């Protein structure tokens, strides 16, 4: 379970839009904003449309998913040149948007898996996050 990056006491509910640290309350955000150092992305123009204020807990629906990828492994995706290069493709970005906005995410994923570009993206994500018997 994660804790607030500002007070180190409570579970974070929010993410700073500038530097992406996690915080639990308006009070912690106000304390943080004076020392905030924004993160600059190399391909920010290509990936800005995918930055949301959802936390990984929001995305994973709390504890109802058994198979969770550790945060350290997920962060590898943001550091991968291969992933960034793939995300420069507008067709892939549109596929990801359609999956994200679909009511039936499972069906949308099945349809996307028919696209070679999406399969390449998925394979690269799996390669970077797969736990092959060792730590990072």
Protein backbone atom coordinates (compact mmCIF):
# COMPACT_ATOMS: atom_id res chain seq x y z
CA UNK A 1 0.00 0.00 0.00
CA UNK A 2 1.34 3.42 -0.91
CA UNK A 3 1.55 6.43 1.37
CA UNK A 4 1.32 10.15 0.69
CA UNK A 5 4.61 11.57 -0.64
CA UNK A 6 4.07 14.78 1.34
CA UNK A 7 2.87 13.78 4.85
CA UNK A 8 3.90 10.08 4.73
CA UNK A 9 0.82 9.25 6.79
CA UNK A 10 -2.25 8.62 4.63
CA UNK A 11 -3.13 6.70 1.47
CA UNK A 12 -2.71 8.99 -1.55
CA UNK A 13 -5.81 9.71 -3.60
CA UNK A 14 -4.37 12.22 -6.05
CA UNK A 15 -1.40 12.72 -8.37
CA UNK A 16 0.30 16.05 -9.03
CA UNK A 17 -0.27 16.90 -12.71
CA UNK A 18 3.16 18.51 -12.98
CA UNK A 19 5.56 16.09 -11.26
CA UNK A 20 3.32 13.01 -10.77
CA UNK A 21 3.99 12.56 -7.03
CA UNK A 22 1.08 11.16 -5.04
CA UNK A 23 -0.61 13.07 -2.23
CA UNK A 24 -3.63 12.56 0.02
CA UNK A 25 -5.31 15.93 0.48
CA UNK A 26 -5.60 19.57 -0.52
CA UNK A 27 -3.41 20.50 2.45
CA UNK A 28 -0.62 18.23 1.23
CA UNK A 29 -0.97 19.57 -2.30
CA UNK A 30 -0.63 23.14 -1.02
CA UNK A 31 2.52 22.17 0.90
CA UNK A 32 3.92 20.38 -2.15
CA UNK A 33 3.20 22.94 -4.88
CA UNK A 34 5.89 25.39 -3.71
CA UNK A 35 8.63 22.79 -4.19
CA UNK A 36 7.13 21.00 -7.21
CA UNK A 37 9.55 20.16 -10.02
CA UNK A 38 7.59 19.33 -13.20
CA UNK A 39 8.52 16.20 -15.13
CA UNK A 40 9.50 16.89 -18.75
CA UNK A 41 8.83 14.07 -21.18
CA UNK A 42 10.94 13.51 -24.29
CA UNK A 43 7.86 12.70 -26.32
CA UNK A 44 5.35 14.76 -24.38
CA UNK A 45 3.53 15.85 -27.52
CA UNK A 46 2.89 12.26 -28.56
CA UNK A 47 1.87 11.02 -25.13
CA UNK A 48 0.16 14.01 -23.48
CA UNK A 49 -3.25 12.72 -24.48
CA UNK A 50 -2.68 9.64 -22.31
CA UNK A 51 -1.71 11.45 -19.10
CA UNK A 52 -4.67 11.34 -16.74
CA UNK A 53 -5.18 12.04 -13.10
CA UNK A 54 -6.18 8.46 -12.37
CA UNK A 55 -4.03 6.58 -9.91
CA UNK A 56 -2.97 3.00 -10.45
CA UNK A 57 -5.45 2.06 -7.72
CA UNK A 58 -8.21 3.62 -9.83
CA UNK A 59 -7.03 1.69 -12.85
CA UNK A 60 -6.74 -1.60 -11.00
CA UNK A 61 -10.01 -1.21 -9.03
CA UNK A 62 -8.33 -1.64 -5.69
CA UNK A 63 -7.86 -5.22 -4.62
CA UNK A 64 -10.10 -7.02 -7.14
CA UNK A 65 -7.27 -7.80 -9.55
CA UNK A 66 -5.09 -10.71 -8.50
CA UNK A 67 -2.26 -10.16 -10.96
CA UNK A 68 -0.75 -6.75 -10.31
CA UNK A 69 2.44 -5.49 -11.88
CA UNK A 70 4.71 -3.77 -9.34
CA UNK A 71 4.96 -0.01 -9.77
CA UNK A 72 8.71 -0.27 -10.42
CA UNK A 73 8.02 -2.47 -13.44
CA UNK A 74 5.26 -0.18 -14.70
CA UNK A 75 7.68 2.73 -14.55
CA UNK A 76 9.91 0.87 -17.02
CA UNK A 77 7.21 1.43 -19.63
CA UNK A 78 7.64 5.20 -19.37
CA UNK A 79 11.40 4.86 -19.74
CA UNK A 80 11.30 2.58 -22.79
CA UNK A 81 12.40 4.10 -26.10
CA UNK A 82 10.57 1.30 -27.94
CA UNK A 83 7.27 2.08 -26.18
CA UNK A 84 7.70 5.81 -26.78
CA UNK A 85 8.43 5.19 -30.46
CA UNK A 86 5.32 3.03 -30.79
CA UNK A 87 3.19 5.68 -29.05
CA UNK A 88 4.20 8.20 -31.70
CA UNK A 89 1.95 6.28 -34.09
CA UNK A 90 -1.48 7.99 -34.26
CA UNK A 91 -3.21 4.71 -35.19
CA UNK A 92 -1.96 3.05 -32.00
CA UNK A 93 -3.00 6.05 -29.91
CA UNK A 94 -6.49 5.87 -31.43
CA UNK A 95 -6.68 2.14 -30.68
CA UNK A 96 -5.71 2.81 -27.06
CA UNK A 97 -8.32 5.58 -26.80
CA UNK A 98 -11.03 3.30 -28.18
CA UNK A 99 -10.16 0.57 -25.67
CA UNK A 100 -10.12 3.07 -22.82
CA UNK A 101 -13.52 4.50 -23.73
CA UNK A 102 -15.20 1.17 -24.60
CA UNK A 103 -18.01 -0.13 -22.43
CA UNK A 104 -16.89 -3.72 -23.03
CA UNK A 105 -13.14 -3.52 -22.48
CA UNK A 106 -12.66 -7.26 -23.01
CA UNK A 107 -14.28 -7.16 -26.43
CA UNK A 108 -12.35 -4.02 -27.34
CA UNK A 109 -9.10 -5.75 -26.36
CA UNK A 110 -9.97 -8.80 -28.48
CA UNK A 111 -10.62 -6.56 -31.47
CA UNK A 112 -7.40 -4.60 -30.90
CA UNK A 113 -5.40 -7.83 -30.72
CA UNK A 114 -6.26 -8.34 -34.41
CA UNK A 115 -4.14 -5.28 -35.23
CA UNK A 116 -0.43 -6.12 -35.70
CA UNK A 117 0.59 -2.71 -34.33
CA UNK A 118 -1.34 -3.28 -31.10
CA UNK A 119 0.12 -6.79 -30.78
CA UNK A 120 3.62 -5.32 -31.15
CA UNK A 121 2.81 -2.72 -28.46
CA UNK A 122 1.34 -5.38 -26.13
CA UNK A 123 4.31 -7.68 -26.63
CA UNK A 124 6.73 -4.87 -25.83
CA UNK A 125 4.77 -3.99 -22.67
CA UNK A 126 4.73 -7.63 -21.58
CA UNK A 127 8.45 -8.00 -22.27
CA UNK A 128 9.25 -5.02 -20.05
CA UNK A 129 6.94 -5.94 -17.19
CA UNK A 130 7.22 -9.74 -17.15
CA UNK A 131 8.65 -11.14 -13.95
CA UNK A 132 11.20 -13.69 -15.03
CA UNK A 133 12.19 -14.97 -11.61
CA UNK A 134 14.12 -11.92 -10.51
CA UNK A 135 13.92 -8.37 -9.37
CA UNK A 136 14.58 -5.33 -11.50
